[in-house]
Amino acid sequence: MGAKDQKNFRRTTAKKDTSSLGVVYLWIATTVDKQVDKMVNISTETPEQTQARLRRVITRCDLKVYDGTYAFDEFSHAEFAQRARQDALALVRDDEIWSQLVPCTDEGAELFAIWRFHFTEGDDNSGFVGWLANHLKETFGTGVFVVCGQNSRRAGIFDYWGCPAILGVSVLSEVRELVQGS
């Protein structure tokens, strides 16, 4: 957070009497939201306001559901040129491997149902991933994964979501209902 941004925030210290926690610093917004032309918004709102905002955001997003099932395929950095696939929805790496999300029907693999959200220009979608992931966990007991990308021509951030393929029909039905405002 730069000095310019810090003038709109104040630092408070929450002290606990436990040696394992130490001192915790919290940044608390002291100004109203400003719509900034940035990839990530900062919102100051109650949990109820967040819930209402994100329920509106999901009704305005562009949802695409992918047919079939997908899995992660891992390979070494040295194998990238030979193994990276044109049909990969996502390619991410760490210090050891590349991992690509690709169509897969191998029942021995961990298979996922996949969908994607593109958000509407100007919508504050901050907190969306946590909100929807929590909703799906509470409703179906499932975790999800999310891989984000950036497309400046389509309002910025977009998300690929995955859940276990065995729950795909139920989870996607719920997602469609949320998109429809149900």
N, C-alpha and C. Protein backbone atom coordinates (compact mmCIF):
# COMPACT_ATOMS: atom_id res chain seq x y z
N MET A 1 0.85 -1.16 0.00
CA MET A 1 0.00 0.00 0.00
C MET A 1 0.90 1.22 0.00
N GLY A 2 0.74 2.10 -0.99
CA GLY A 2 1.56 3.29 -1.11
C GLY A 2 1.16 4.36 -0.13
N ALA A 3 2.03 5.38 -0.01
CA ALA A 3 1.77 6.47 0.93
C ALA A 3 0.46 7.18 0.60
N LYS A 4 0.17 7.37 -0.69
CA LYS A 4 -1.07 8.03 -1.09
C LYS A 4 -2.29 7.24 -0.60
N ASP A 5 -2.23 5.91 -0.73
CA ASP A 5 -3.33 5.06 -0.28
C ASP A 5 -3.43 5.04 1.24
N GLN A 6 -2.29 5.12 1.91
CA GLN A 6 -2.29 5.01 3.36
C GLN A 6 -3.00 6.19 4.02
N LYS A 7 -3.05 7.33 3.37
CA LYS A 7 -3.72 8.46 4.00
C LYS A 7 -5.21 8.19 4.18
N ASN A 8 -5.78 7.26 3.41
CA ASN A 8 -7.18 6.91 3.54
C ASN A 8 -7.41 5.75 4.50
N PHE A 9 -6.35 5.27 5.13
CA PHE A 9 -6.45 4.15 6.05
C PHE A 9 -5.74 4.51 7.34
N ARG A 10 -6.17 3.90 8.44
CA ARG A 10 -5.45 4.05 9.69
C ARG A 10 -5.07 2.68 10.19
N ARG A 11 -3.94 2.60 10.85
CA ARG A 11 -3.47 1.32 11.38
C ARG A 11 -3.88 1.22 12.84
N THR A 12 -4.44 0.07 13.18
CA THR A 12 -4.75 -0.20 14.58
C THR A 12 -4.03 -1.47 14.97
N THR A 13 -3.72 -1.59 16.22
CA THR A 13 -3.02 -2.76 16.71
C THR A 13 -3.92 -3.55 17.63
N ALA A 14 -4.09 -4.82 17.33
CA ALA A 14 -4.83 -5.72 18.20
C ALA A 14 -3.80 -6.55 18.94
N LYS A 15 -3.71 -6.39 20.24
CA LYS A 15 -2.70 -7.11 21.02
C LYS A 15 -3.32 -8.28 21.75
N LYS A 16 -2.68 -9.41 21.68
CA LYS A 16 -3.11 -10.62 22.38
C LYS A 16 -1.98 -11.04 23.30
N ASP A 17 -2.31 -11.63 24.44
CA ASP A 17 -1.31 -12.07 25.39
C ASP A 17 -0.92 -13.52 25.13
N THR A 18 -0.49 -13.78 23.89
CA THR A 18 0.00 -15.13 23.56
C THR A 18 1.27 -14.98 22.78
N SER A 19 2.27 -15.72 23.15
CA SER A 19 3.57 -15.61 22.48
C SER A 19 3.53 -16.12 21.05
N SER A 20 2.59 -17.00 20.74
CA SER A 20 2.55 -17.55 19.38
C SER A 20 1.92 -16.57 18.39
N LEU A 21 1.09 -15.64 18.86
CA LEU A 21 0.44 -14.71 17.95
C LEU A 21 1.25 -13.44 17.75
N GLY A 22 1.90 -12.96 18.78
CA GLY A 22 2.62 -11.70 18.67
C GLY A 22 1.64 -10.56 18.49
N VAL A 23 2.05 -9.55 17.75
CA VAL A 23 1.22 -8.38 17.50
C VAL A 23 0.60 -8.51 16.12
N VAL A 24 -0.69 -8.26 16.02
CA VAL A 24 -1.41 -8.34 14.76
C VAL A 24 -1.76 -6.92 14.33
N TYR A 25 -1.44 -6.55 13.09
CA TYR A 25 -1.78 -5.24 12.56
C TYR A 25 -2.95 -5.37 11.61
N LEU A 26 -3.90 -4.50 11.73
CA LEU A 26 -5.07 -4.50 10.87
C LEU A 26 -5.14 -3.16 10.15
N TRP A 27 -5.43 -3.19 8.86
CA TRP A 27 -5.68 -1.96 8.13
C TRP A 27 -7.19 -1.80 8.04
N ILE A 28 -7.71 -0.68 8.52
CA ILE A 28 -9.15 -0.45 8.54
C ILE A 28 -9.45 0.78 7.69
N ALA A 29 -10.36 0.64 6.74
CA ALA A 29 -10.72 1.75 5.87
C ALA A 29 -11.48 2.81 6.65
N THR A 30 -11.14 4.07 6.42
CA THR A 30 -11.83 5.16 7.10
C THR A 30 -12.53 6.08 6.12
N THR A 31 -12.53 5.72 4.84
CA THR A 31 -13.21 6.51 3.84
C THR A 31 -14.19 5.64 3.09
N VAL A 32 -15.10 6.26 2.37
CA VAL A 32 -16.06 5.50 1.58
C VAL A 32 -15.37 4.93 0.35
N ASP A 33 -16.00 3.92 -0.24
CA ASP A 33 -15.45 3.31 -1.44
C ASP A 33 -15.30 4.34 -2.55
N LYS A 34 -14.25 4.18 -3.29
CA LYS A 34 -14.06 4.95 -4.50
C LYS A 34 -13.93 3.95 -5.64
N GLN A 35 -14.60 4.20 -6.73
CA GLN A 35 -14.44 3.32 -7.89
C GLN A 35 -13.12 3.70 -8.55
N VAL A 36 -12.17 2.82 -8.51
CA VAL A 36 -10.85 3.06 -9.04
C VAL A 36 -10.65 2.12 -10.21
N ASP A 37 -9.99 2.59 -11.24
CA ASP A 37 -9.74 1.76 -12.42
C ASP A 37 -8.56 0.83 -12.13
N LYS A 38 -8.80 -0.16 -11.28
CA LYS A 38 -7.78 -1.11 -10.85
C LYS A 38 -8.31 -2.53 -11.01
N MET A 39 -7.39 -3.48 -10.97
CA MET A 39 -7.76 -4.88 -11.08
C MET A 39 -8.51 -5.35 -9.83
N VAL A 40 -8.12 -4.85 -8.66
CA VAL A 40 -8.68 -5.31 -7.39
C VAL A 40 -9.29 -4.12 -6.67
N ASN A 41 -10.55 -4.23 -6.28
CA ASN A 41 -11.24 -3.17 -5.54
C ASN A 41 -11.06 -3.37 -4.05
N ILE A 42 -11.14 -2.26 -3.31
CA ILE A 42 -11.17 -2.29 -1.86
C ILE A 42 -12.54 -1.78 -1.46
N SER A 43 -13.29 -2.58 -0.72
CA SER A 43 -14.66 -2.24 -0.33
C SER A 43 -14.77 -2.16 1.18
N THR A 44 -15.51 -1.19 1.65
CA THR A 44 -15.82 -1.07 3.07
C THR A 44 -17.31 -1.24 3.22
N GLU A 45 -17.73 -2.37 3.77
CA GLU A 45 -19.16 -2.65 3.87
C GLU A 45 -19.41 -3.69 4.93
N THR A 46 -20.65 -3.80 5.34
CA THR A 46 -21.04 -4.82 6.31
C THR A 46 -21.12 -6.17 5.59
N PRO A 47 -21.13 -7.26 6.33
CA PRO A 47 -21.31 -8.57 5.69
C PRO A 47 -22.61 -8.65 4.88
N GLU A 48 -23.66 -8.03 5.37
CA GLU A 48 -24.94 -8.04 4.66
C GLU A 48 -24.84 -7.27 3.34
N GLN A 49 -24.13 -6.16 3.35
CA GLN A 49 -23.93 -5.38 2.13
C GLN A 49 -23.07 -6.16 1.13
N THR A 50 -22.06 -6.85 1.63
CA THR A 50 -21.21 -7.68 0.76
C THR A 50 -22.05 -8.76 0.10
N GLN A 51 -22.87 -9.45 0.89
CA GLN A 51 -23.73 -10.51 0.37
C GLN A 51 -24.64 -9.96 -0.73
N ALA A 52 -25.28 -8.83 -0.48
CA ALA A 52 -26.19 -8.23 -1.46
C ALA A 52 -25.43 -7.82 -2.72
N ARG A 53 -24.25 -7.21 -2.55
CA ARG A 53 -23.46 -6.78 -3.71
C ARG A 53 -23.04 -7.97 -4.57
N LEU A 54 -22.56 -9.03 -3.93
CA LEU A 54 -22.08 -10.18 -4.70
C LEU A 54 -23.23 -10.96 -5.34
N ARG A 55 -24.39 -10.97 -4.72
CA ARG A 55 -25.57 -11.58 -5.36
C ARG A 55 -25.97 -10.79 -6.61
N ARG A 56 -25.77 -9.48 -6.59
CA ARG A 56 -26.02 -8.67 -7.81
C ARG A 56 -24.94 -8.93 -8.86
N VAL A 57 -23.70 -8.96 -8.43
CA VAL A 57 -22.57 -9.18 -9.35
C VAL A 57 -22.75 -10.48 -10.12
N ILE A 58 -23.11 -11.57 -9.43
CA ILE A 58 -23.21 -12.87 -10.11
C ILE A 58 -24.33 -12.85 -11.15
N THR A 59 -25.38 -12.05 -10.95
CA THR A 59 -26.46 -12.00 -11.94
C THR A 59 -26.05 -11.24 -13.19
N ARG A 60 -24.98 -10.46 -13.11
CA ARG A 60 -24.53 -9.67 -14.26
C ARG A 60 -23.30 -10.26 -14.94
N CYS A 61 -22.80 -11.36 -14.42
CA CYS A 61 -21.59 -11.94 -15.02
C CYS A 61 -21.96 -12.79 -16.23
N ASP A 62 -20.95 -13.09 -17.03
CA ASP A 62 -21.09 -13.98 -18.17
C ASP A 62 -20.59 -15.36 -17.73
N LEU A 63 -21.49 -16.31 -17.60
CA LEU A 63 -21.16 -17.67 -17.17
C LEU A 63 -21.01 -18.56 -18.39
N LYS A 64 -19.92 -19.32 -18.42
CA LYS A 64 -19.74 -20.35 -19.43
C LYS A 64 -19.46 -21.66 -18.72
N VAL A 65 -20.23 -22.69 -19.04
CA VAL A 65 -20.03 -24.02 -18.49
C VAL A 65 -19.36 -24.87 -19.57
N TYR A 66 -18.31 -25.57 -19.20
CA TYR A 66 -17.56 -26.39 -20.15
C TYR A 66 -18.09 -27.81 -20.14
N ASP A 67 -18.23 -28.37 -21.33
CA ASP A 67 -18.66 -29.76 -21.47
C ASP A 67 -17.55 -30.70 -21.04
N GLY A 68 -17.95 -31.88 -20.62
CA GLY A 68 -16.97 -32.91 -20.29
C GLY A 68 -16.31 -32.66 -18.95
N THR A 69 -15.22 -33.38 -18.73
CA THR A 69 -14.47 -33.27 -17.49
C THR A 69 -13.03 -32.86 -17.79
N TYR A 70 -12.39 -32.31 -16.76
CA TYR A 70 -11.03 -31.79 -16.88
C TYR A 70 -10.19 -32.32 -15.74
N ALA A 71 -8.88 -32.30 -15.93
CA ALA A 71 -7.93 -32.71 -14.89
C ALA A 71 -6.67 -31.87 -15.04
N PHE A 72 -5.86 -31.89 -14.00
CA PHE A 72 -4.56 -31.22 -14.06
C PHE A 72 -3.52 -32.21 -14.56
N ASP A 73 -2.71 -31.76 -15.50
CA ASP A 73 -1.61 -32.53 -16.06
C ASP A 73 -0.33 -31.80 -15.68
N GLU A 74 0.59 -32.49 -14.99
CA GLU A 74 1.83 -31.87 -14.51
C GLU A 74 3.01 -32.35 -15.32
N PHE A 75 3.97 -31.45 -15.52
CA PHE A 75 5.22 -31.81 -16.20
C PHE A 75 6.31 -30.84 -15.82
N SER A 76 7.55 -31.24 -16.05
CA SER A 76 8.70 -30.42 -15.65
C SER A 76 8.84 -29.20 -16.55
N HIS A 77 9.59 -28.23 -16.07
CA HIS A 77 9.85 -27.03 -16.87
C HIS A 77 10.52 -27.38 -18.20
N ALA A 78 11.40 -28.35 -18.17
CA ALA A 78 12.13 -28.75 -19.39
C ALA A 78 11.20 -29.33 -20.44
N GLU A 79 10.05 -29.86 -20.05
CA GLU A 79 9.12 -30.49 -20.98
C GLU A 79 8.08 -29.52 -21.56
N PHE A 80 8.15 -28.25 -21.20
CA PHE A 80 7.09 -27.31 -21.57
C PHE A 80 6.80 -27.31 -23.07
N ALA A 81 7.80 -27.16 -23.89
CA ALA A 81 7.59 -27.06 -25.34
C ALA A 81 6.90 -28.31 -25.91
N GLN A 82 7.19 -29.48 -25.36
CA GLN A 82 6.59 -30.72 -25.85
C GLN A 82 5.22 -31.02 -25.24
N ARG A 83 4.96 -30.54 -24.02
CA ARG A 83 3.77 -30.97 -23.30
C ARG A 83 2.65 -29.93 -23.19
N ALA A 84 2.96 -28.64 -23.31
CA ALA A 84 1.91 -27.62 -23.19
C ALA A 84 0.89 -27.82 -24.31
N ARG A 85 -0.38 -27.82 -23.93
CA ARG A 85 -1.44 -28.14 -24.90
C ARG A 85 -2.23 -26.90 -25.29
N GLN A 86 -2.64 -26.85 -26.55
CA GLN A 86 -3.46 -25.76 -27.06
C GLN A 86 -4.84 -25.72 -26.42
N ASP A 87 -5.34 -26.88 -26.00
CA ASP A 87 -6.67 -26.92 -25.40
C ASP A 87 -6.66 -26.73 -23.88
N ALA A 88 -5.50 -26.39 -23.32
CA ALA A 88 -5.43 -26.13 -21.87
C ALA A 88 -6.19 -24.85 -21.55
N LEU A 89 -7.03 -24.91 -20.53
CA LEU A 89 -7.73 -23.71 -20.07
C LEU A 89 -6.81 -22.84 -19.24
N ALA A 90 -5.87 -23.45 -18.55
CA ALA A 90 -4.96 -22.70 -17.69
C ALA A 90 -3.62 -23.42 -17.64
N LEU A 91 -2.57 -22.63 -17.56
CA LEU A 91 -1.21 -23.13 -17.37
C LEU A 91 -0.61 -22.32 -16.23
N VAL A 92 -0.23 -22.99 -15.16
CA VAL A 92 0.42 -22.31 -14.04
C VAL A 92 1.65 -23.11 -13.63
N ARG A 93 2.57 -22.43 -12.95
CA ARG A 93 3.80 -23.11 -12.58
C ARG A 93 4.25 -22.69 -11.20
N ASP A 94 5.08 -23.54 -10.62
CA ASP A 94 5.81 -23.18 -9.41
C ASP A 94 7.28 -23.37 -9.72
N ASP A 95 8.10 -23.55 -8.71
CA ASP A 95 9.54 -23.68 -8.96
C ASP A 95 9.93 -25.03 -9.55
N GLU A 96 9.02 -26.00 -9.53
CA GLU A 96 9.37 -27.35 -9.97
C GLU A 96 8.62 -27.83 -11.21
N ILE A 97 7.36 -27.49 -11.33
CA ILE A 97 6.55 -28.08 -12.40
C ILE A 97 5.63 -27.05 -13.06
N TRP A 98 5.17 -27.40 -14.24
CA TRP A 98 4.04 -26.75 -14.88
C TRP A 98 2.82 -27.61 -14.60
N SER A 99 1.67 -26.98 -14.48
CA SER A 99 0.41 -27.69 -14.30
C SER A 99 -0.59 -27.08 -15.26
N GLN A 100 -1.19 -27.93 -16.09
CA GLN A 100 -2.17 -27.43 -17.06
C GLN A 100 -3.51 -28.10 -16.82
N LEU A 101 -4.56 -27.31 -16.95
CA LEU A 101 -5.93 -27.81 -16.80
C LEU A 101 -6.45 -28.15 -18.18
N VAL A 102 -6.67 -29.44 -18.42
CA VAL A 102 -6.99 -29.92 -19.77
C VAL A 102 -8.18 -30.88 -19.75
N PRO A 103 -8.87 -31.01 -20.90
CA PRO A 103 -9.94 -32.01 -21.00
C PRO A 103 -9.38 -33.39 -20.69
N CYS A 104 -10.17 -34.19 -19.96
CA CYS A 104 -9.69 -35.52 -19.56
C CYS A 104 -10.89 -36.41 -19.25
N THR A 105 -10.82 -37.65 -19.72
CA THR A 105 -11.86 -38.63 -19.40
C THR A 105 -11.31 -39.84 -18.64
N ASP A 106 -10.02 -39.80 -18.30
CA ASP A 106 -9.37 -40.90 -17.59
C ASP A 106 -9.95 -41.02 -16.19
N GLU A 107 -10.70 -42.09 -15.92
CA GLU A 107 -11.34 -42.25 -14.62
C GLU A 107 -10.34 -42.46 -13.48
N GLY A 108 -9.09 -42.70 -13.81
CA GLY A 108 -8.05 -42.82 -12.80
C GLY A 108 -7.54 -41.46 -12.34
N ALA A 109 -7.89 -40.41 -13.07
CA ALA A 109 -7.47 -39.05 -12.72
C ALA A 109 -8.52 -38.40 -11.83
N GLU A 110 -8.12 -37.37 -11.11
CA GLU A 110 -9.10 -36.57 -10.35
C GLU A 110 -9.78 -35.64 -11.34
N LEU A 111 -11.06 -35.94 -11.62
CA LEU A 111 -11.80 -35.23 -12.67
C LEU A 111 -12.65 -34.11 -12.07
N PHE A 112 -12.76 -33.01 -12.84
CA PHE A 112 -13.48 -31.83 -12.39
C PHE A 112 -14.49 -31.37 -13.43
N ALA A 113 -15.61 -30.83 -12.95
CA ALA A 113 -16.53 -30.05 -13.78
C ALA A 113 -15.99 -28.62 -13.75
N ILE A 114 -16.05 -27.93 -14.89
CA ILE A 114 -15.43 -26.61 -15.02
C ILE A 114 -16.44 -25.59 -15.52
N TRP A 115 -16.36 -24.39 -14.97
CA TRP A 115 -17.13 -23.25 -15.46
C TRP A 115 -16.29 -21.99 -15.32
N ARG A 116 -16.71 -20.94 -16.02
CA ARG A 116 -15.95 -19.69 -16.05
C ARG A 116 -16.88 -18.50 -15.87
N PHE A 117 -16.39 -17.50 -15.16
CA PHE A 117 -17.08 -16.22 -15.02
C PHE A 117 -16.25 -15.11 -15.64
N HIS A 118 -16.88 -14.29 -16.49
CA HIS A 118 -16.35 -12.98 -16.87
C HIS A 118 -17.27 -11.98 -16.21
N PHE A 119 -16.71 -10.97 -15.59
CA PHE A 119 -17.50 -10.00 -14.85
C PHE A 119 -17.81 -8.78 -15.70
N THR A 120 -18.85 -8.06 -15.31
CA THR A 120 -19.29 -6.86 -16.02
C THR A 120 -18.37 -5.70 -15.68
N GLU A 121 -18.02 -4.92 -16.68
CA GLU A 121 -17.19 -3.73 -16.49
C GLU A 121 -17.76 -2.86 -15.38
N GLY A 122 -16.91 -2.48 -14.44
CA GLY A 122 -17.31 -1.58 -13.37
C GLY A 122 -17.87 -2.25 -12.14
N ASP A 123 -18.21 -3.55 -12.21
CA ASP A 123 -18.72 -4.25 -11.03
C ASP A 123 -17.59 -4.50 -10.04
N ASP A 124 -17.86 -4.26 -8.78
CA ASP A 124 -16.91 -4.57 -7.71
C ASP A 124 -17.12 -6.03 -7.33
N ASN A 125 -16.24 -6.90 -7.83
CA ASN A 125 -16.38 -8.33 -7.55
C ASN A 125 -15.43 -8.77 -6.42
N SER A 126 -14.90 -7.82 -5.66
CA SER A 126 -14.00 -8.18 -4.57
C SER A 126 -14.73 -9.06 -3.56
N GLY A 127 -14.09 -10.13 -3.16
CA GLY A 127 -14.68 -11.09 -2.24
C GLY A 127 -15.50 -12.18 -2.90
N PHE A 128 -15.62 -12.12 -4.24
CA PHE A 128 -16.47 -13.07 -4.96
C PHE A 128 -16.03 -14.52 -4.76
N VAL A 129 -14.74 -14.77 -4.90
CA VAL A 129 -14.24 -16.15 -4.81
C VAL A 129 -14.55 -16.73 -3.43
N GLY A 130 -14.24 -15.98 -2.38
CA GLY A 130 -14.51 -16.48 -1.03
C GLY A 130 -15.99 -16.67 -0.77
N TRP A 131 -16.80 -15.72 -1.25
CA TRP A 131 -18.26 -15.79 -1.04
C TRP A 131 -18.84 -17.04 -1.71
N LEU A 132 -18.54 -17.23 -3.00
CA LEU A 132 -19.13 -18.37 -3.71
C LEU A 132 -18.54 -19.69 -3.23
N ALA A 133 -17.24 -19.73 -2.97
CA ALA A 133 -16.63 -20.96 -2.47
C ALA A 133 -17.26 -21.36 -1.14
N ASN A 134 -17.48 -20.40 -0.26
CA ASN A 134 -18.12 -20.68 1.02
C ASN A 134 -19.56 -21.17 0.83
N HIS A 135 -20.29 -20.53 -0.08
CA HIS A 135 -21.66 -20.95 -0.36
C HIS A 135 -21.70 -22.41 -0.85
N LEU A 136 -20.82 -22.75 -1.76
CA LEU A 136 -20.79 -24.12 -2.29
C LEU A 136 -20.35 -25.12 -1.24
N LYS A 137 -19.42 -24.73 -0.37
CA LYS A 137 -18.98 -25.62 0.71
C LYS A 137 -20.14 -25.88 1.67
N GLU A 138 -20.87 -24.81 2.04
CA GLU A 138 -21.99 -24.96 2.96
C GLU A 138 -23.13 -25.77 2.33
N THR A 139 -23.36 -25.60 1.04
CA THR A 139 -24.48 -26.25 0.37
C THR A 139 -24.18 -27.71 0.02
N PHE A 140 -22.97 -27.98 -0.47
CA PHE A 140 -22.66 -29.32 -0.99
C PHE A 140 -21.54 -30.03 -0.24
N GLY A 141 -20.86 -29.33 0.65
CA GLY A 141 -19.75 -29.93 1.38
C GLY A 141 -18.48 -30.02 0.56
N THR A 142 -18.48 -29.43 -0.62
CA THR A 142 -17.32 -29.55 -1.50
C THR A 142 -16.42 -28.33 -1.47
N GLY A 143 -15.16 -28.59 -1.63
CA GLY A 143 -14.23 -27.53 -1.92
C GLY A 143 -14.25 -27.28 -3.42
N VAL A 144 -13.64 -26.20 -3.83
CA VAL A 144 -13.52 -25.85 -5.24
C VAL A 144 -12.09 -25.36 -5.48
N PHE A 145 -11.72 -25.25 -6.73
CA PHE A 145 -10.49 -24.53 -7.05
C PHE A 145 -10.85 -23.42 -8.01
N VAL A 146 -10.04 -22.39 -8.01
CA VAL A 146 -10.25 -21.24 -8.89
C VAL A 146 -8.91 -20.85 -9.49
N VAL A 147 -8.90 -20.68 -10.80
CA VAL A 147 -7.73 -20.16 -11.50
C VAL A 147 -8.16 -18.87 -12.18
N CYS A 148 -7.47 -17.80 -11.88
CA CYS A 148 -7.86 -16.49 -12.43
C CYS A 148 -6.94 -16.09 -13.57
N GLY A 149 -7.51 -15.31 -14.48
CA GLY A 149 -6.75 -14.73 -15.58
C GLY A 149 -7.17 -13.28 -15.75
N GLN A 150 -6.52 -12.60 -16.66
CA GLN A 150 -6.80 -11.19 -16.93
C GLN A 150 -7.04 -11.00 -18.41
N ASN A 151 -8.18 -10.42 -18.76
CA ASN A 151 -8.51 -10.06 -20.13
C ASN A 151 -9.02 -8.62 -20.10
N SER A 152 -8.15 -7.68 -20.39
CA SER A 152 -8.49 -6.26 -20.32
C SER A 152 -9.60 -5.87 -21.27
N ARG A 153 -9.77 -6.60 -22.35
CA ARG A 153 -10.84 -6.28 -23.31
C ARG A 153 -12.21 -6.73 -22.81
N ARG A 154 -12.24 -7.57 -21.76
CA ARG A 154 -13.52 -8.05 -21.21
C ARG A 154 -13.61 -7.75 -19.72
N ALA A 155 -13.37 -6.53 -19.34
CA ALA A 155 -13.56 -6.04 -17.97
C ALA A 155 -12.55 -6.58 -16.97
N GLY A 156 -11.47 -7.17 -17.42
CA GLY A 156 -10.40 -7.55 -16.49
C GLY A 156 -10.41 -9.00 -16.08
N ILE A 157 -10.46 -9.22 -14.78
CA ILE A 157 -10.32 -10.56 -14.21
C ILE A 157 -11.43 -11.51 -14.66
N PHE A 158 -11.03 -12.74 -14.96
CA PHE A 158 -12.00 -13.81 -15.18
C PHE A 158 -11.54 -15.02 -14.37
N ASP A 159 -12.49 -15.86 -14.01
CA ASP A 159 -12.21 -17.00 -13.14
C ASP A 159 -12.64 -18.30 -13.80
N TYR A 160 -11.76 -19.30 -13.79
CA TYR A 160 -12.15 -20.69 -14.06
C TYR A 160 -12.37 -21.35 -12.70
N TRP A 161 -13.48 -22.01 -12.55
CA TRP A 161 -13.83 -22.71 -11.33
C TRP A 161 -13.92 -24.21 -11.61
N GLY A 162 -13.56 -25.02 -10.62
CA GLY A 162 -13.70 -26.46 -10.74
C GLY A 162 -14.19 -27.07 -9.46
N CYS A 163 -15.01 -28.10 -9.60
CA CYS A 163 -15.46 -28.89 -8.45
C CYS A 163 -15.36 -30.36 -8.87
N PRO A 164 -15.37 -31.26 -7.91
CA PRO A 164 -15.32 -32.68 -8.27
C PRO A 164 -16.42 -33.02 -9.28
N ALA A 165 -16.05 -33.72 -10.33
CA ALA A 165 -16.99 -34.04 -11.42
C ALA A 165 -18.24 -34.75 -10.90
N ILE A 166 -18.10 -35.54 -9.87
CA ILE A 166 -19.24 -36.29 -9.34
C ILE A 166 -20.34 -35.35 -8.81
N LEU A 167 -19.98 -34.12 -8.44
CA LEU A 167 -20.96 -33.14 -7.96
C LEU A 167 -21.29 -32.09 -9.01
N GLY A 168 -20.71 -32.22 -10.19
CA GLY A 168 -20.85 -31.20 -11.21
C GLY A 168 -22.27 -30.80 -11.54
N VAL A 169 -23.16 -31.75 -11.76
CA VAL A 169 -24.54 -31.43 -12.14
C VAL A 169 -25.21 -30.61 -11.04
N SER A 170 -25.08 -31.02 -9.80
CA SER A 170 -25.73 -30.31 -8.69
C SER A 170 -25.12 -28.93 -8.47
N VAL A 171 -23.80 -28.86 -8.45
CA VAL A 171 -23.13 -27.57 -8.23
C VAL A 171 -23.46 -26.60 -9.36
N LEU A 172 -23.41 -27.06 -10.59
CA LEU A 172 -23.68 -26.16 -11.72
C LEU A 172 -25.14 -25.73 -11.76
N SER A 173 -26.04 -26.57 -11.30
CA SER A 173 -27.44 -26.17 -11.19
C SER A 173 -27.57 -25.01 -10.20
N GLU A 174 -26.89 -25.11 -9.07
CA GLU A 174 -26.91 -24.05 -8.06
C GLU A 174 -26.27 -22.76 -8.61
N VAL A 175 -25.16 -22.90 -9.30
CA VAL A 175 -24.50 -21.72 -9.88
C VAL A 175 -25.41 -21.04 -10.88
N ARG A 176 -26.07 -21.81 -11.73
CA ARG A 176 -27.00 -21.23 -12.70
C ARG A 176 -28.15 -20.50 -12.00
N GLU A 177 -28.67 -21.08 -10.90
CA GLU A 177 -29.73 -20.42 -10.15
C GLU A 177 -29.26 -19.09 -9.58
N LEU A 178 -28.03 -19.05 -9.05
CA LEU A 178 -27.50 -17.79 -8.53
C LEU A 178 -27.34 -16.76 -9.64
N VAL A 179 -26.88 -17.20 -10.81
CA VAL A 179 -26.74 -16.29 -11.96
C VAL A 179 -28.09 -15.74 -12.37
N GLN A 180 -29.13 -16.56 -12.28
CA GLN A 180 -30.49 -16.13 -12.64
C GLN A 180 -31.16 -15.30 -11.54
N GLY A 181 -30.48 -15.15 -10.39
CA GLY A 181 -31.01 -14.34 -9.30
C GLY A 181 -31.94 -15.09 -8.37
N SER A 182 -31.92 -16.41 -8.43
CA SER A 182 -32.80 -17.22 -7.57
C SER A 182 -32.19 -17.39 -6.19
